[in-house]
Amino acid sequence: DRALLEMIGKFFKRLDYNVLTARDGEEGLKIFHAKNP
């Protein structure tokens, strides 16, 4: 859900998190392995 992705992302950025986002599970797994959140 793009709207939630943007809204939740902004919320955590305001709390000083380094926010990484993905639009689906496949993309999320790639980011997980590359960035080690």
Full PDB file with SEQRES, HELIX, SHEET, SSBOND, CRYST1, ORIGX, SCALE, CONECT and MASTER records, all heavy atoms in Angstrom:
SEQRES   1 A   37  ASP ARG ALA LEU LEU GLU MET ILE GLY LYS PHE PHE LYS          
SEQRES   2 A   37  ARG LEU ASP TYR ASN VAL LEU THR ALA ARG ASP GLY GLU          
SEQRES   3 A   37  GLU GLY LEU LYS ILE PHE HIS ALA LYS ASN PRO                  
HELIX    1 AA1 ARG A    2  ARG A   14  1                                  13    
HELIX    2 AA2 GLY A   25  LYS A   35  1                                  11    
CRYST1    1.000    1.000    1.000  90.00  90.00  90.00 P 1           1          
ORIGX1      1.000000  0.000000  0.000000        0.00000                         
ORIGX2      0.000000  1.000000  0.000000        0.00000                         
ORIGX3      0.000000  0.000000  1.000000        0.00000                         
SCALE1      1.000000  0.000000  0.000000        0.00000                         
SCALE2      0.000000  1.000000  0.000000        0.00000                         
SCALE3      0.000000  0.000000  1.000000        0.00000                         
ATOM      1  N   ASP A   1       0.858  -1.190   0.000  1.00  0.00           N  
ATOM      2  CA  ASP A   1       0.000   0.000   0.000  1.00  0.00           C  
ATOM      3  C   ASP A   1       0.893   1.239   0.000  1.00  0.00           C  
ATOM      4  O   ASP A   1       1.527   1.567   1.006  1.00  0.00           O  
ATOM      5  CB  ASP A   1      -0.900  -0.018   1.238  1.00  0.00           C  
ATOM      6  CG  ASP A   1      -1.889   1.123   1.288  1.00  0.00           C  
ATOM      7  OD1 ASP A   1      -1.529   2.255   0.895  1.00  0.00           O  
ATOM      8  OD2 ASP A   1      -3.023   0.891   1.734  1.00  0.00           O  
ATOM      9  N   ARG A   2       0.951   1.931  -1.138  1.00  0.00           N  
ATOM     10  CA  ARG A   2       1.864   3.071  -1.285  1.00  0.00           C  
ATOM     11  C   ARG A   2       1.597   4.185  -0.279  1.00  0.00           C  
ATOM     12  O   ARG A   2       2.524   4.803   0.227  1.00  0.00           O  
ATOM     13  CB  ARG A   2       1.792   3.636  -2.700  1.00  0.00           C  
ATOM     14  CG  ARG A   2       2.417   2.745  -3.714  1.00  0.00           C  
ATOM     15  CD  ARG A   2       2.367   3.369  -5.077  1.00  0.00           C  
ATOM     16  NE  ARG A   2       2.893   2.444  -6.056  1.00  0.00           N  
ATOM     17  CZ  ARG A   2       3.498   2.819  -7.151  1.00  0.00           C  
ATOM     18  NH1 ARG A   2       3.623   4.096  -7.443  1.00  0.00           N  
ATOM     19  NH2 ARG A   2       3.958   1.920  -7.985  1.00  0.00           N  
ATOM     20  N   ALA A   3       0.330   4.450   0.010  1.00  0.00           N  
ATOM     21  CA  ALA A   3      -0.008   5.524   0.956  1.00  0.00           C  
ATOM     22  C   ALA A   3       0.521   5.197   2.349  1.00  0.00           C  
ATOM     23  O   ALA A   3       1.115   6.056   3.015  1.00  0.00           O  
ATOM     24  CB  ALA A   3      -1.517   5.748   0.994  1.00  0.00           C  
ATOM     25  N   LEU A   4       0.331   3.963   2.788  1.00  0.00           N  
ATOM     26  CA  LEU A   4       0.851   3.554   4.096  1.00  0.00           C  
ATOM     27  C   LEU A   4       2.374   3.555   4.104  1.00  0.00           C  
ATOM     28  O   LEU A   4       2.994   3.971   5.085  1.00  0.00           O  
ATOM     29  CB  LEU A   4       0.348   2.158   4.463  1.00  0.00           C  
ATOM     30  CG  LEU A   4      -1.037   2.082   5.061  1.00  0.00           C  
ATOM     31  CD1 LEU A   4      -1.440   0.621   5.278  1.00  0.00           C  
ATOM     32  CD2 LEU A   4      -1.107   2.832   6.367  1.00  0.00           C  
ATOM     33  N   LEU A   5       2.964   3.108   3.018  1.00  0.00           N  
ATOM     34  CA  LEU A   5       4.420   3.073   2.910  1.00  0.00           C  
ATOM     35  C   LEU A   5       4.988   4.472   3.120  1.00  0.00           C  
ATOM     36  O   LEU A   5       5.944   4.665   3.875  1.00  0.00           O  
ATOM     37  CB  LEU A   5       4.811   2.522   1.535  1.00  0.00           C  
ATOM     38  CG  LEU A   5       6.207   1.976   1.353  1.00  0.00           C  
ATOM     39  CD1 LEU A   5       6.445   0.766   2.231  1.00  0.00           C  
ATOM     40  CD2 LEU A   5       6.433   1.615  -0.104  1.00  0.00           C  
ATOM     41  N   GLU A   6       4.385   5.453   2.487  1.00  0.00           N  
ATOM     42  CA  GLU A   6       4.842   6.836   2.603  1.00  0.00           C  
ATOM     43  C   GLU A   6       4.569   7.399   4.007  1.00  0.00           C  
ATOM     44  O   GLU A   6       5.446   8.004   4.625  1.00  0.00           O  
ATOM     45  CB  GLU A   6       4.147   7.702   1.554  1.00  0.00           C  
ATOM     46  CG  GLU A   6       4.693   9.100   1.482  1.00  0.00           C  
ATOM     47  CD  GLU A   6       4.076   9.912   0.363  1.00  0.00           C  
ATOM     48  OE1 GLU A   6       3.865   9.356  -0.734  1.00  0.00           O  
ATOM     49  OE2 GLU A   6       3.813  11.105   0.605  1.00  0.00           O  
ATOM     50  N   MET A   7       3.358   7.192   4.511  1.00  0.00           N  
ATOM     51  CA  MET A   7       2.970   7.740   5.802  1.00  0.00           C  
ATOM     52  C   MET A   7       3.813   7.160   6.950  1.00  0.00           C  
ATOM     53  O   MET A   7       4.350   7.899   7.776  1.00  0.00           O  
ATOM     54  CB  MET A   7       1.487   7.472   6.067  1.00  0.00           C  
ATOM     55  CG  MET A   7       0.984   8.055   7.364  1.00  0.00           C  
ATOM     56  SD  MET A   7      -0.790   7.794   7.622  1.00  0.00           S  
ATOM     57  CE  MET A   7      -0.878   6.014   7.709  1.00  0.00           C  
ATOM     58  N   ILE A   8       3.922   5.843   6.994  1.00  0.00           N  
ATOM     59  CA  ILE A   8       4.694   5.193   8.060  1.00  0.00           C  
ATOM     60  C   ILE A   8       6.177   5.536   7.925  1.00  0.00           C  
ATOM     61  O   ILE A   8       6.870   5.768   8.919  1.00  0.00           O  
ATOM     62  CB  ILE A   8       4.483   3.659   8.047  1.00  0.00           C  
ATOM     63  CG1 ILE A   8       3.009   3.309   8.251  1.00  0.00           C  
ATOM     64  CG2 ILE A   8       5.376   2.964   9.062  1.00  0.00           C  
ATOM     65  CD1 ILE A   8       2.436   3.663   9.597  1.00  0.00           C  
ATOM     66  N   GLY A   9       6.657   5.585   6.685  1.00  0.00           N  
ATOM     67  CA  GLY A   9       8.057   5.962   6.442  1.00  0.00           C  
ATOM     68  C   GLY A   9       8.370   7.344   6.985  1.00  0.00           C  
ATOM     69  O   GLY A   9       9.384   7.555   7.668  1.00  0.00           O  
ATOM     70  N   LYS A  10       7.502   8.313   6.710  1.00  0.00           N  
ATOM     71  CA  LYS A  10       7.698   9.684   7.208  1.00  0.00           C  
ATOM     72  C   LYS A  10       7.659   9.720   8.729  1.00  0.00           C  
ATOM     73  O   LYS A  10       8.430  10.445   9.359  1.00  0.00           O  
ATOM     74  CB  LYS A  10       6.637  10.617   6.635  1.00  0.00           C  
ATOM     75  CG  LYS A  10       6.859  10.971   5.193  1.00  0.00           C  
ATOM     76  CD  LYS A  10       5.769  11.913   4.705  1.00  0.00           C  
ATOM     77  CE  LYS A  10       5.963  12.259   3.245  1.00  0.00           C  
ATOM     78  NZ  LYS A  10       4.894  13.150   2.750  1.00  0.00           N  
ATOM     79  N   PHE A  11       6.736   8.970   9.317  1.00  0.00           N  
ATOM     80  CA  PHE A  11       6.609   8.922  10.770  1.00  0.00           C  
ATOM     81  C   PHE A  11       7.930   8.489  11.423  1.00  0.00           C  
ATOM     82  O   PHE A  11       8.431   9.134  12.345  1.00  0.00           O  
ATOM     83  CB  PHE A  11       5.478   7.972  11.177  1.00  0.00           C  
ATOM     84  CG  PHE A  11       5.376   7.749  12.652  1.00  0.00           C  
ATOM     85  CD1 PHE A  11       4.768   8.685  13.470  1.00  0.00           C  
ATOM     86  CD2 PHE A  11       5.889   6.589  13.223  1.00  0.00           C  
ATOM     87  CE1 PHE A  11       4.675   8.479  14.845  1.00  0.00           C  
ATOM     88  CE2 PHE A  11       5.793   6.376  14.587  1.00  0.00           C  
ATOM     89  CZ  PHE A  11       5.197   7.329  15.399  1.00  0.00           C  
ATOM     90  N   PHE A  12       8.501   7.395  10.940  1.00  0.00           N  
ATOM     91  CA  PHE A  12       9.731   6.891  11.540  1.00  0.00           C  
ATOM     92  C   PHE A  12      10.936   7.763  11.211  1.00  0.00           C  
ATOM     93  O   PHE A  12      11.868   7.868  12.009  1.00  0.00           O  
ATOM     94  CB  PHE A  12       9.972   5.431  11.152  1.00  0.00           C  
ATOM     95  CG  PHE A  12       9.159   4.486  11.982  1.00  0.00           C  
ATOM     96  CD1 PHE A  12       8.019   3.887  11.464  1.00  0.00           C  
ATOM     97  CD2 PHE A  12       9.514   4.199  13.284  1.00  0.00           C  
ATOM     98  CE1 PHE A  12       7.255   3.022  12.240  1.00  0.00           C  
ATOM     99  CE2 PHE A  12       8.755   3.341  14.067  1.00  0.00           C  
ATOM    100  CZ  PHE A  12       7.624   2.752  13.546  1.00  0.00           C  
ATOM    101  N   LYS A  13      10.936   8.422  10.053  1.00  0.00           N  
ATOM    102  CA  LYS A  13      12.022   9.360   9.744  1.00  0.00           C  
ATOM    103  C   LYS A  13      12.022  10.518  10.734  1.00  0.00           C  
ATOM    104  O   LYS A  13      13.082  10.983  11.154  1.00  0.00           O  
ATOM    105  CB  LYS A  13      11.886   9.879   8.315  1.00  0.00           C  
ATOM    106  CG  LYS A  13      12.342   8.885   7.279  1.00  0.00           C  
ATOM    107  CD  LYS A  13      12.194   9.415   5.872  1.00  0.00           C  
ATOM    108  CE  LYS A  13      12.588   8.322   4.891  1.00  0.00           C  
ATOM    109  NZ  LYS A  13      12.392   8.741   3.491  1.00  0.00           N  
ATOM    110  N   ARG A  14      10.835  10.975  11.127  1.00  0.00           N  
ATOM    111  CA  ARG A  14      10.742  12.047  12.124  1.00  0.00           C  
ATOM    112  C   ARG A  14      11.264  11.597  13.482  1.00  0.00           C  
ATOM    113  O   ARG A  14      11.686  12.421  14.288  1.00  0.00           O  
ATOM    114  CB  ARG A  14       9.299  12.541  12.260  1.00  0.00           C  
ATOM    115  CG  ARG A  14       8.936  13.526  11.179  1.00  0.00           C  
ATOM    116  CD  ARG A  14       7.597  14.193  11.460  1.00  0.00           C  
ATOM    117  NE  ARG A  14       6.701  13.798  10.375  1.00  0.00           N  
ATOM    118  CZ  ARG A  14       5.528  13.235  10.519  1.00  0.00           C  
ATOM    119  NH1 ARG A  14       5.020  13.015  11.700  1.00  0.00           N  
ATOM    120  NH2 ARG A  14       4.805  12.908   9.468  1.00  0.00           N  
ATOM    121  N   LEU A  15      11.229  10.303  13.726  1.00  0.00           N  
ATOM    122  CA  LEU A  15      11.770   9.755  14.979  1.00  0.00           C  
ATOM    123  C   LEU A  15      13.254   9.421  14.853  1.00  0.00           C  
ATOM    124  O   LEU A  15      13.828   8.756  15.714  1.00  0.00           O  
ATOM    125  CB  LEU A  15      10.982   8.502  15.383  1.00  0.00           C  
ATOM    126  CG  LEU A  15       9.518   8.736  15.748  1.00  0.00           C  
ATOM    127  CD1 LEU A  15       8.824   7.407  16.027  1.00  0.00           C  
ATOM    128  CD2 LEU A  15       9.395   9.657  16.949  1.00  0.00           C  
ATOM    129  N   ASP A  16      13.864   9.864  13.757  1.00  0.00           N  
ATOM    130  CA  ASP A  16      15.297   9.732  13.489  1.00  0.00           C  
ATOM    131  C   ASP A  16      15.754   8.307  13.159  1.00  0.00           C  
ATOM    132  O   ASP A  16      16.863   7.901  13.487  1.00  0.00           O  
ATOM    133  CB  ASP A  16      16.133  10.296  14.644  1.00  0.00           C  
ATOM    134  CG  ASP A  16      17.531  10.685  14.189  1.00  0.00           C  
ATOM    135  OD1 ASP A  16      17.693  11.071  13.015  1.00  0.00           O  
ATOM    136  OD2 ASP A  16      18.463  10.570  14.999  1.00  0.00           O  
ATOM    137  N   TYR A  17      14.881   7.526  12.528  1.00  0.00           N  
ATOM    138  CA  TYR A  17      15.283   6.218  12.004  1.00  0.00           C  
ATOM    139  C   TYR A  17      15.762   6.391  10.567  1.00  0.00           C  
ATOM    140  O   TYR A  17      15.290   7.268   9.839  1.00  0.00           O  
ATOM    141  CB  TYR A  17      14.094   5.249  11.986  1.00  0.00           C  
ATOM    142  CG  TYR A  17      13.722   4.723  13.342  1.00  0.00           C  
ATOM    143  CD1 TYR A  17      12.867   5.435  14.177  1.00  0.00           C  
ATOM    144  CD2 TYR A  17      14.204   3.497  13.788  1.00  0.00           C  
ATOM    145  CE1 TYR A  17      12.518   4.948  15.428  1.00  0.00           C  
ATOM    146  CE2 TYR A  17      13.858   2.999  15.036  1.00  0.00           C  
ATOM    147  CZ  TYR A  17      13.017   3.736  15.847  1.00  0.00           C  
ATOM    148  OH  TYR A  17      12.669   3.254  17.074  1.00  0.00           O  
ATOM    149  N   ASN A  18      16.682   5.552  10.154  1.00  0.00           N  
ATOM    150  CA  ASN A  18      17.083   5.464   8.755  1.00  0.00           C  
ATOM    151  C   ASN A  18      16.095   4.491   8.108  1.00  0.00           C  
ATOM    152  O   ASN A  18      16.203   3.287   8.286  1.00  0.00           O  
ATOM    153  CB  ASN A  18      18.520   4.956   8.648  1.00  0.00           C  
ATOM    154  CG  ASN A  18      18.971   4.761   7.222  1.00  0.00           C  
ATOM    155  OD1 ASN A  18      18.270   5.103   6.276  1.00  0.00           O  
ATOM    156  ND2 ASN A  18      20.148   4.187   7.074  1.00  0.00           N  
ATOM    157  N   VAL A  19      15.120   5.013   7.376  1.00  0.00           N  
ATOM    158  CA  VAL A  19      14.011   4.202   6.867  1.00  0.00           C  
ATOM    159  C   VAL A  19      14.296   3.706   5.455  1.00  0.00           C  
ATOM    160  O   VAL A  19      14.581   4.482   4.553  1.00  0.00           O  
ATOM    161  CB  VAL A  19      12.691   5.005   6.895  1.00  0.00           C  
ATOM    162  CG1 VAL A  19      11.547   4.173   6.328  1.00  0.00           C  
ATOM    163  CG2 VAL A  19      12.363   5.465   8.301  1.00  0.00           C  
ATOM    164  N   LEU A  20      14.192   2.398   5.293  1.00  0.00           N  
ATOM    165  CA  LEU A  20      14.272   1.748   3.992  1.00  0.00           C  
ATOM    166  C   LEU A  20      12.879   1.216   3.700  1.00  0.00           C  
ATOM    167  O   LEU A  20      12.218   0.687   4.592  1.00  0.00           O  
ATOM    168  CB  LEU A  20      15.269   0.582   4.036  1.00  0.00           C  
ATOM    169  CG  LEU A  20      16.654   0.890   4.596  1.00  0.00           C  
ATOM    170  CD1 LEU A  20      17.397  -0.402   4.907  1.00  0.00           C  
ATOM    171  CD2 LEU A  20      17.426   1.748   3.621  1.00  0.00           C  
ATOM    172  N   THR A  21      12.412   1.346   2.459  1.00  0.00           N  
ATOM    173  CA  THR A  21      11.073   0.865   2.130  1.00  0.00           C  
ATOM    174  C   THR A  21      11.106  -0.066   0.922  1.00  0.00           C  
ATOM    175  O   THR A  21      11.976   0.047   0.061  1.00  0.00           O  
ATOM    176  CB  THR A  21      10.104   2.033   1.833  1.00  0.00           C  
ATOM    177  OG1 THR A  21      10.596   2.802   0.732  1.00  0.00           O  
ATOM    178  CG2 THR A  21       9.914   2.915   3.049  1.00  0.00           C  
ATOM    179  N   ALA A  22      10.133  -0.962   0.894  1.00  0.00           N  
ATOM    180  CA  ALA A  22       9.968  -1.889  -0.223  1.00  0.00           C  
ATOM    181  C   ALA A  22       8.481  -2.057  -0.497  1.00  0.00           C  
ATOM    182  O   ALA A  22       7.678  -2.086   0.435  1.00  0.00           O  
ATOM    183  CB  ALA A  22      10.602  -3.236   0.094  1.00  0.00           C  
ATOM    184  N   ARG A  23       8.113  -2.173  -1.766  1.00  0.00           N  
ATOM    185  CA  ARG A  23       6.707  -2.266  -2.170  1.00  0.00           C  
ATOM    186  C   ARG A  23       6.169  -3.684  -2.227  1.00  0.00           C  
ATOM    187  O   ARG A  23       4.987  -3.891  -2.467  1.00  0.00           O  
ATOM    188  CB  ARG A  23       6.511  -1.593  -3.524  1.00  0.00           C  
ATOM    189  CG  ARG A  23       6.731  -0.118  -3.452  1.00  0.00           C  
ATOM    190  CD  ARG A  23       6.452   0.518  -4.778  1.00  0.00           C  
ATOM    191  NE  ARG A  23       6.735   1.941  -4.694  1.00  0.00           N  
ATOM    192  CZ  ARG A  23       6.958   2.693  -5.733  1.00  0.00           C  
ATOM    193  NH1 ARG A  23       6.921   2.181  -6.943  1.00  0.00           N  
ATOM    194  NH2 ARG A  23       7.207   3.966  -5.571  1.00  0.00           N  
ATOM    195  N   ASP A  24       7.026  -4.674  -2.049  1.00  0.00           N  
ATOM    196  CA  ASP A  24       6.560  -6.063  -2.003  1.00  0.00           C  
ATOM    197  C   ASP A  24       7.599  -6.919  -1.290  1.00  0.00           C  
ATOM    198  O   ASP A  24       8.706  -6.461  -1.010  1.00  0.00           O  
ATOM    199  CB  ASP A  24       6.246  -6.608  -3.405  1.00  0.00           C  
ATOM    200  CG  ASP A  24       7.434  -6.621  -4.351  1.00  0.00           C  
ATOM    201  OD1 ASP A  24       8.534  -7.037  -3.932  1.00  0.00           O  
ATOM    202  OD2 ASP A  24       7.273  -6.214  -5.517  1.00  0.00           O  
ATOM    203  N   GLY A  25       7.217  -8.139  -0.990  1.00  0.00           N  
ATOM    204  CA  GLY A  25       8.094  -9.029  -0.248  1.00  0.00           C  
ATOM    205  C   GLY A  25       9.388  -9.358  -0.959  1.00  0.00           C  
ATOM    206  O   GLY A  25      10.443  -9.453  -0.335  1.00  0.00           O  
ATOM    207  N   GLU A  26       9.319  -9.510  -2.255  1.00  0.00           N  
ATOM    208  CA  GLU A  26      10.517  -9.833  -3.029  1.00  0.00           C  
ATOM    209  C   GLU A  26      11.555  -8.714  -2.935  1.00  0.00           C  
ATOM    210  O   GLU A  26      12.726  -8.947  -2.665  1.00  0.00           O  
ATOM    211  CB  GLU A  26      10.132 -10.091  -4.495  1.00  0.00           C  
ATOM    212  CG  GLU A  26      11.260 -10.584  -5.349  1.00  0.00           C  
ATOM    213  CD  GLU A  26      10.807 -10.926  -6.760  1.00  0.00           C  
ATOM    214  OE1 GLU A  26       9.601 -11.120  -6.988  1.00  0.00           O  
ATOM    215  OE2 GLU A  26      11.681 -10.994  -7.633  1.00  0.00           O  
ATOM    216  N   GLU A  27      11.098  -7.478  -3.150  1.00  0.00           N  
ATOM    217  CA  GLU A  27      11.984  -6.317  -3.040  1.00  0.00           C  
ATOM    218  C   GLU A  27      12.497  -6.185  -1.593  1.00  0.00           C  
ATOM    219  O   GLU A  27      13.662  -5.873  -1.364  1.00  0.00           O  
ATOM    220  CB  GLU A  27      11.249  -5.050  -3.459  1.00  0.00           C  
ATOM    221  CG  GLU A  27      12.091  -3.796  -3.394  1.00  0.00           C  
ATOM    222  CD  GLU A  27      11.319  -2.534  -3.740  1.00  0.00           C  
ATOM    223  OE1 GLU A  27      10.081  -2.571  -3.877  1.00  0.00           O  
ATOM    224  OE2 GLU A  27      11.979  -1.490  -3.856  1.00  0.00           O  
ATOM    225  N   GLY A  28      11.610  -6.438  -0.633  1.00  0.00           N  
ATOM    226  CA  GLY A  28      11.991  -6.349   0.773  1.00  0.00           C  
ATOM    227  C   GLY A  28      13.095  -7.319   1.142  1.00  0.00           C  
ATOM    228  O   GLY A  28      14.026  -6.964   1.879  1.00  0.00           O  
ATOM    229  N   LEU A  29      13.018  -8.540   0.633  1.00  0.00           N  
ATOM    230  CA  LEU A  29      14.067  -9.533   0.913  1.00  0.00           C  
ATOM    231  C   LEU A  29      15.410  -9.111   0.315  1.00  0.00           C  
ATOM    232  O   LEU A  29      16.456  -9.282   0.942  1.00  0.00           O  
ATOM    233  CB  LEU A  29      13.657 -10.903   0.385  1.00  0.00           C  
ATOM    234  CG  LEU A  29      12.578 -11.609   1.203  1.00  0.00           C  
ATOM    235  CD1 LEU A  29      12.082 -12.855   0.471  1.00  0.00           C  
ATOM    236  CD2 LEU A  29      13.086 -11.959   2.592  1.00  0.00           C  
ATOM    237  N   LYS A  30      15.376  -8.533  -0.875  1.00  0.00           N  
ATOM    238  CA  LYS A  30      16.620  -8.053  -1.502  1.00  0.00           C  
ATOM    239  C   LYS A  30      17.254  -6.952  -0.655  1.00  0.00           C  
ATOM    240  O   LYS A  30      18.463  -6.958  -0.405  1.00  0.00           O  
ATOM    241  CB  LYS A  30      16.345  -7.544  -2.915  1.00  0.00           C  
ATOM    242  CG  LYS A  30      16.059  -8.643  -3.904  1.00  0.00           C  
ATOM    243  CD  LYS A  30      15.741  -8.078  -5.269  1.00  0.00           C  
ATOM    244  CE  LYS A  30      15.326  -9.189  -6.216  1.00  0.00           C  
ATOM    245  NZ  LYS A  30      14.915  -8.668  -7.535  1.00  0.00           N  
ATOM    246  N   ILE A  31      16.416  -6.007  -0.212  1.00  0.00           N  
ATOM    247  CA  ILE A  31      16.924  -4.909   0.617  1.00  0.00           C  
ATOM    248  C   ILE A  31      17.424  -5.456   1.956  1.00  0.00           C  
ATOM    249  O   ILE A  31      18.470  -5.042   2.451  1.00  0.00           O  
ATOM    250  CB  ILE A  31      15.839  -3.829   0.830  1.00  0.00           C  
ATOM    251  CG1 ILE A  31      15.545  -3.139  -0.504  1.00  0.00           C  
ATOM    252  CG2 ILE A  31      16.271  -2.817   1.887  1.00  0.00           C  
ATOM    253  CD1 ILE A  31      14.349  -2.200  -0.475  1.00  0.00           C  
ATOM    254  N   PHE A  32      16.700  -6.397   2.527  1.00  0.00           N  
ATOM    255  CA  PHE A  32      17.099  -6.994   3.805  1.00  0.00           C  
ATOM    256  C   PHE A  32      18.506  -7.579   3.716  1.00  0.00           C  
ATOM    257  O   PHE A  32      19.355  -7.338   4.572  1.00  0.00           O  
ATOM    258  CB  PHE A  32      16.102  -8.077   4.219  1.00  0.00           C  
ATOM    259  CG  PHE A  32      16.472  -8.761   5.496  1.00  0.00           C  
ATOM    260  CD1 PHE A  32      16.143  -8.196   6.711  1.00  0.00           C  
ATOM    261  CD2 PHE A  32      17.162  -9.963   5.473  1.00  0.00           C  
ATOM    262  CE1 PHE A  32      16.503  -8.832   7.909  1.00  0.00           C  
ATOM    263  CE2 PHE A  32      17.522 -10.596   6.660  1.00  0.00           C  
ATOM    264  CZ  PHE A  32      17.195 -10.030   7.872  1.00  0.00           C  
ATOM    265  N   HIS A  33      18.763  -8.350   2.667  1.00  0.00           N  
ATOM    266  CA  HIS A  33      20.065  -8.995   2.528  1.00  0.00           C  
ATOM    267  C   HIS A  33      21.173  -7.997   2.184  1.00  0.00           C  
ATOM    268  O   HIS A  33      22.321  -8.180   2.598  1.00  0.00           O  
ATOM    269  CB  HIS A  33      20.001 -10.110   1.489  1.00  0.00           C  
ATOM    270  CG  HIS A  33      19.187 -11.282   1.946  1.00  0.00           C  
ATOM    271  ND1 HIS A  33      19.562 -12.101   2.983  1.00  0.00           N  
ATOM    272  CD2 HIS A  33      17.987 -11.749   1.532  1.00  0.00           C  
ATOM    273  CE1 HIS A  33      18.656 -13.028   3.187  1.00  0.00           C  
ATOM    274  NE2 HIS A  33      17.678 -12.837   2.324  1.00  0.00           N  
ATOM    275  N   ALA A  34      20.830  -6.934   1.469  1.00  0.00           N  
ATOM    276  CA  ALA A  34      21.831  -5.948   1.061  1.00  0.00           C  
ATOM    277  C   ALA A  34      22.156  -4.938   2.166  1.00  0.00           C  
ATOM    278  O   ALA A  34      23.306  -4.514   2.309  1.00  0.00           O  
ATOM    279  CB  ALA A  34      21.354  -5.201  -0.189  1.00  0.00           C  
ATOM    280  N   LYS A  35      21.154  -4.544   2.944  1.00  0.00           N  
ATOM    281  CA  LYS A  35      21.321  -3.441   3.902  1.00  0.00           C  
ATOM    282  C   LYS A  35      21.358  -3.862   5.369  1.00  0.00           C  
ATOM    283  O   LYS A  35      21.686  -3.049   6.225  1.00  0.00           O  
ATOM    284  CB  LYS A  35      20.205  -2.407   3.718  1.00  0.00           C  
ATOM    285  CG  LYS A  35      20.121  -1.824   2.320  1.00  0.00           C  
ATOM    286  CD  LYS A  35      21.299  -0.939   2.034  1.00  0.00           C  
ATOM    287  CE  LYS A  35      21.145  -0.302   0.661  1.00  0.00           C  
ATOM    288  NZ  LYS A  35      22.191   0.651   0.385  1.00  0.00           N  
ATOM    289  N   ASN A  36      20.955  -5.096   5.673  1.00  0.00           N  
ATOM    290  CA  ASN A  36      21.005  -5.623   7.038  1.00  0.00           C  
ATOM    291  C   ASN A  36      20.336  -4.677   8.056  1.00  0.00           C  
ATOM    292  O   ASN A  36      21.002  -4.171   8.964  1.00  0.00           O  
ATOM    293  CB  ASN A  36      22.461  -5.912   7.433  1.00  0.00           C  
ATOM    294  CG  ASN A  36      22.564  -6.751   8.677  1.00  0.00           C  
ATOM    295  OD1 ASN A  36      21.664  -7.527   8.984  1.00  0.00           O  
ATOM    296  ND2 ASN A  36      23.648  -6.594   9.397  1.00  0.00           N  
ATOM    297  N   PRO A  37      19.022  -4.450   7.930  1.00  0.00           N  
ATOM    298  CA  PRO A  37      18.350  -3.529   8.845  1.00  0.00           C  
ATOM    299  C   PRO A  37      18.280  -4.073  10.275  1.00  0.00           C  
ATOM    300  O   PRO A  37      18.351  -5.278  10.502  1.00  0.00           O  
ATOM    301  CB  PRO A  37      16.944  -3.403   8.249  1.00  0.00           C  
ATOM    302  CG  PRO A  37      16.736  -4.678   7.519  1.00  0.00           C  
ATOM    303  CD  PRO A  37      18.098  -5.060   6.985  1.00  0.00           C  
TER     304      PRO A  37                                                      
MASTER        0    0    0    2    0    0    0    6  303    1    0    3          
END                                                                             
